[in-house]
N, C-alpha and C. Protein backbone atom coordinates (compact mmCIF):
# COMPACT_ATOMS: atom_id res chain seq x y z
N MET A 1 -12.10 2.67 1.28
CA MET A 1 -11.80 3.78 2.49
C MET A 1 -11.31 2.73 3.91
N ALA A 2 -10.59 3.06 4.16
CA ALA A 2 -10.26 1.72 5.62
C ALA A 2 -9.03 2.29 6.58
N HIS A 3 -9.18 1.66 7.75
CA HIS A 3 -8.61 2.57 9.28
C HIS A 3 -7.33 1.12 9.93
N LEU A 4 -6.68 1.80 10.36
CA LEU A 4 -5.88 0.86 10.25
C LEU A 4 -5.16 1.49 11.78
N VAL A 5 -5.32 0.71 13.38
CA VAL A 5 -4.72 1.65 14.55
C VAL A 5 -3.25 1.01 14.65
N CYS A 6 -2.31 1.66 14.39
CA CYS A 6 -0.87 1.13 14.38
C CYS A 6 -0.06 1.22 16.05
N LYS A 7 0.24 -0.18 16.21
CA LYS A 7 0.71 -0.77 17.61
C LYS A 7 1.52 1.00 18.06
N CYS A 8 1.54 1.64 17.80
CA CYS A 8 2.01 3.10 18.94
C CYS A 8 1.01 3.80 19.05
N GLY A 9 -1.01 3.76 18.38
CA GLY A 9 -2.06 4.01 18.57
C GLY A 9 -2.31 5.08 17.62
N TYR A 10 -1.83 5.38 16.72
CA TYR A 10 -1.86 6.31 16.07
C TYR A 10 -3.13 5.65 14.97
N ASP A 11 -3.85 6.49 14.82
CA ASP A 11 -5.37 5.79 13.75
C ASP A 11 -4.91 6.73 12.26
N MET A 12 -4.32 5.37 11.26
CA MET A 12 -4.31 5.80 10.16
C MET A 12 -5.63 5.67 9.26
N TRP A 13 -6.06 6.54 8.11
CA TRP A 13 -6.99 6.33 7.48
C TRP A 13 -6.68 6.80 5.83
N ASN A 14 -7.06 5.79 5.16
CA ASN A 14 -6.63 5.78 3.09
C ASN A 14 -7.55 6.44 2.80
N GLY A 15 -8.57 7.49 2.97
CA GLY A 15 -10.13 8.03 2.51
C GLY A 15 -9.59 9.32 2.13
N GLU A 16 -8.76 10.18 2.59
CA GLU A 16 -8.26 11.18 1.96
C GLU A 16 -7.17 10.86 0.56
N SER A 17 -7.56 12.40 -0.90
CA SER A 17 -6.87 11.77 -2.00
C SER A 17 -6.62 13.14 -1.96
N PRO A 18 -4.89 13.11 -2.18
CA PRO A 18 -4.22 12.10 -1.66
C PRO A 18 -3.52 12.08 -0.86
N ASN A 19 -2.61 10.93 0.08
CA ASN A 19 -2.54 10.88 1.57
C ASN A 19 -1.09 10.42 1.45
N ASP A 20 -0.62 10.63 3.14
CA ASP A 20 0.92 10.17 3.20
C ASP A 20 0.52 8.80 3.45
N ILE A 21 0.11 8.13 3.86
CA ILE A 21 -0.31 6.78 4.41
C ILE A 21 -0.14 5.74 3.78
N GLU A 22 -0.94 5.35 2.76
CA GLU A 22 -0.83 4.68 1.33
C GLU A 22 0.31 4.40 -0.10
N PHE A 23 0.32 3.34 -0.12
CA PHE A 23 1.93 3.23 -1.06
C PHE A 23 1.00 1.89 -2.14
N TRP A 24 1.69 2.12 -3.24
CA TRP A 24 1.77 0.87 -3.96
C TRP A 24 2.85 0.22 -4.67
N ALA A 25 3.11 -1.06 -4.18
CA ALA A 25 4.41 -1.86 -4.37
C ALA A 25 4.11 -2.71 -5.48
N PHE A 26 5.35 -2.55 -6.89
CA PHE A 26 5.52 -3.15 -7.94
C PHE A 26 6.07 -4.17 -7.52
N SER A 27 6.21 -5.40 -8.36
CA SER A 27 7.61 -6.38 -8.35
C SER A 27 8.25 -6.23 -8.84
N ASP A 28 9.23 -6.23 -9.42
CA ASP A 28 9.76 -6.07 -11.11
C ASP A 28 9.58 -6.72 -11.73
N LYS A 29 9.30 -8.35 -12.16
CA LYS A 29 8.06 -8.86 -12.70
C LYS A 29 6.29 -8.07 -13.12
N THR A 30 6.30 -7.73 -12.40
CA THR A 30 4.69 -7.49 -12.19
C THR A 30 5.24 -5.41 -13.56
N MET A 31 5.94 -4.96 -13.22
CA MET A 31 6.29 -3.51 -13.79
C MET A 31 6.70 -4.27 -15.40
N ASP A 32 7.46 -5.71 -15.30
CA ASP A 32 8.14 -6.09 -16.58
C ASP A 32 6.71 -6.45 -17.52
N GLU A 33 5.96 -6.93 -16.70
CA GLU A 33 4.46 -7.33 -17.71
C GLU A 33 3.99 -6.17 -17.71
N LEU A 34 3.95 -5.41 -16.90
CA LEU A 34 3.28 -3.74 -17.59
C LEU A 34 3.75 -3.42 -18.69
N SER A 35 4.93 -3.14 -18.78
CA SER A 35 5.97 -2.74 -19.56
C SER A 35 5.28 -3.43 -21.26
N TYR A 36 5.22 -4.11 -21.05
CA TYR A 36 4.48 -4.94 -22.85
C TYR A 36 3.00 -4.32 -23.21
N GLU A 37 2.45 -3.79 -21.87
CA GLU A 37 0.93 -3.56 -22.73
C GLU A 37 1.26 -2.10 -23.77
N ASP A 38 -0.07 -2.27 -24.25
CA ASP A 38 0.29 -0.93 -25.37
C ASP A 38 0.31 0.42 -24.52
N SER A 39 -0.48 0.61 -23.63
CA SER A 39 -0.78 1.58 -22.71
C SER A 39 -1.06 1.22 -21.58
N ILE A 40 -0.95 2.19 -20.11
CA ILE A 40 -1.02 1.93 -19.27
C ILE A 40 -1.77 3.19 -18.27
N PRO A 41 -3.10 2.36 -18.16
CA PRO A 41 -3.79 3.76 -17.51
C PRO A 41 -3.93 4.24 -16.07
N PHE A 42 -3.20 5.38 -16.02
CA PHE A 42 -2.63 5.49 -15.05
C PHE A 42 -4.17 4.97 -13.64
N LEU A 43 -5.14 5.46 -14.07
CA LEU A 43 -5.79 4.98 -12.99
C LEU A 43 -5.76 3.49 -12.47
N SER A 44 -5.75 2.33 -13.64
CA SER A 44 -5.82 1.05 -13.46
C SER A 44 -4.71 0.85 -12.74
N LEU A 45 -3.23 1.32 -12.33
CA LEU A 45 -2.48 1.26 -11.51
C LEU A 45 -2.80 0.23 -10.31
N PRO A 46 -3.40 1.55 -9.23
CA PRO A 46 -3.96 0.26 -8.48
C PRO A 46 -4.75 -1.02 -8.51
N ASN A 47 -5.13 -1.88 -9.55
CA ASN A 47 -5.59 -2.18 -9.64
C ASN A 47 -4.98 -3.85 -9.91
N LYS A 48 -3.24 -3.53 -10.32
CA LYS A 48 -1.96 -4.05 -9.97
C LYS A 48 -1.22 -4.48 -9.51
N TYR A 49 -1.39 -3.86 -8.33
CA TYR A 49 -0.10 -3.82 -7.52
C TYR A 49 0.02 -5.63 -6.81
N ASP A 50 0.66 -5.76 -6.35
CA ASP A 50 1.16 -6.74 -5.80
C ASP A 50 1.38 -6.75 -4.06
N TYR A 51 1.53 -5.34 -3.98
CA TYR A 51 1.51 -5.39 -2.09
C TYR A 51 0.94 -3.60 -1.66
N ASN A 52 -0.04 -3.69 -1.25
CA ASN A 52 -0.26 -2.52 -0.79
C ASN A 52 0.48 -2.06 0.66
N VAL A 53 1.22 -0.96 0.79
CA VAL A 53 1.76 -0.56 1.99
C VAL A 53 1.46 0.42 2.97
N TRP A 54 1.00 0.37 4.03
CA TRP A 54 0.32 1.91 4.72
C TRP A 54 1.80 1.61 5.68
N ARG A 55 2.66 3.50 5.68
CA ARG A 55 3.33 3.98 6.23
C ARG A 55 3.06 4.49 7.61
N CYS A 56 3.04 4.17 8.93
CA CYS A 56 2.41 5.34 10.09
C CYS A 56 3.12 6.82 10.18
N PRO A 57 2.31 7.57 9.82
CA PRO A 57 3.11 9.12 9.92
C PRO A 57 3.86 9.33 11.21
N LYS A 58 3.17 8.63 12.28
CA LYS A 58 4.24 8.95 13.99
C LYS A 58 5.28 8.15 13.40
N CYS A 59 5.06 6.50 13.60
CA CYS A 59 6.03 5.69 14.37
C CYS A 59 6.88 4.85 13.28
N LYS A 60 6.43 5.35 12.18
CA LYS A 60 7.13 4.90 10.56
C LYS A 60 6.76 3.47 10.35
N ARG A 61 6.54 3.03 11.18
CA ARG A 61 5.91 1.51 10.93
C ARG A 61 5.61 1.15 9.26
N LEU A 62 5.63 -0.35 9.16
CA LEU A 62 5.22 -0.24 7.67
C LEU A 62 4.66 -1.37 7.62
N TYR A 63 2.92 -0.75 6.63
CA TYR A 63 1.65 -2.13 7.48
C TYR A 63 1.82 -2.91 5.73
N VAL A 64 2.45 -4.09 5.58
CA VAL A 64 1.95 -4.63 4.52
C VAL A 64 1.30 -5.53 4.31
N PHE A 65 0.16 -5.59 2.89
CA PHE A 65 -1.18 -6.22 3.23
C PHE A 65 -0.87 -6.77 1.30
N ASP A 66 -1.01 -8.30 1.11
CA ASP A 66 -1.03 -9.02 -0.13
C ASP A 66 -2.50 -8.35 -0.45
N GLU A 67 -3.30 -8.69 -0.14
CA GLU A 67 -5.25 -8.79 -0.22
C GLU A 67 -5.67 -7.40 -0.42
N LYS A 68 -6.31 -7.47 -1.73
CA LYS A 68 -7.11 -6.10 -1.55
C LYS A 68 -8.30 -5.76 -0.52
N GLY A 69 -8.28 -6.37 0.61
CA GLY A 69 -8.94 -6.00 1.10
C GLY A 69 -9.48 -5.62 2.60
N TYR A 70 -7.42 -5.41 2.87
CA TYR A 70 -7.01 -4.62 3.72
C TYR A 70 -7.58 -5.34 4.82
N VAL A 71 -7.36 -6.19 5.15
CA VAL A 71 -8.28 -7.58 6.65
C VAL A 71 -7.38 -7.39 7.44
N GLN A 72 -5.92 -8.20 7.54
CA GLN A 72 -4.89 -8.57 7.93
C GLN A 72 -3.15 -7.64 7.32
N PRO A 73 -2.58 -7.07 8.12
CA PRO A 73 -1.73 -6.93 7.41
C PRO A 73 -0.52 -7.78 7.25
N LYS A 74 0.18 -8.90 6.16
CA LYS A 74 0.73 -10.19 6.03
C LYS A 74 2.25 -9.88 6.91
N TYR A 75 2.68 -8.63 6.68
CA TYR A 75 3.66 -7.90 7.33
C TYR A 75 3.90 -6.99 7.85
N VAL A 76 4.72 -6.63 9.08
CA VAL A 76 4.79 -5.64 9.63
C VAL A 76 5.97 -5.56 10.23
N TYR A 77 6.93 -4.00 9.28
CA TYR A 77 8.24 -3.96 9.75
C TYR A 77 8.16 -2.65 10.72
N ARG A 78 9.08 -2.45 11.83
CA ARG A 78 9.59 -0.88 12.17
C ARG A 78 10.61 -0.69 11.81
N PRO A 79 11.07 0.80 11.49
CA PRO A 79 12.68 1.28 11.78
C PRO A 79 13.12 0.67 12.93
N GLU A 80 14.44 0.12 12.40
CA GLU A 80 15.45 0.53 13.80
C GLU A 80 15.53 1.33 14.58
């Protein structure tokens, strides 16, 4: 569970399950590799993601992490 304060000031937290803040992004290559596995246990998918993405419910900014530690986002995007 982690907290992140958005640039707009909204305090995001991924501790609730399910939540509308956290998303898992898989590249096409990763999905192709997963498709070769005999079975894909649903609960193991969060361990195979390429990017973890958080979306602020207030301003809709996206925070993209590529490490599993939520240390610092690698990219930040805001809607135009």
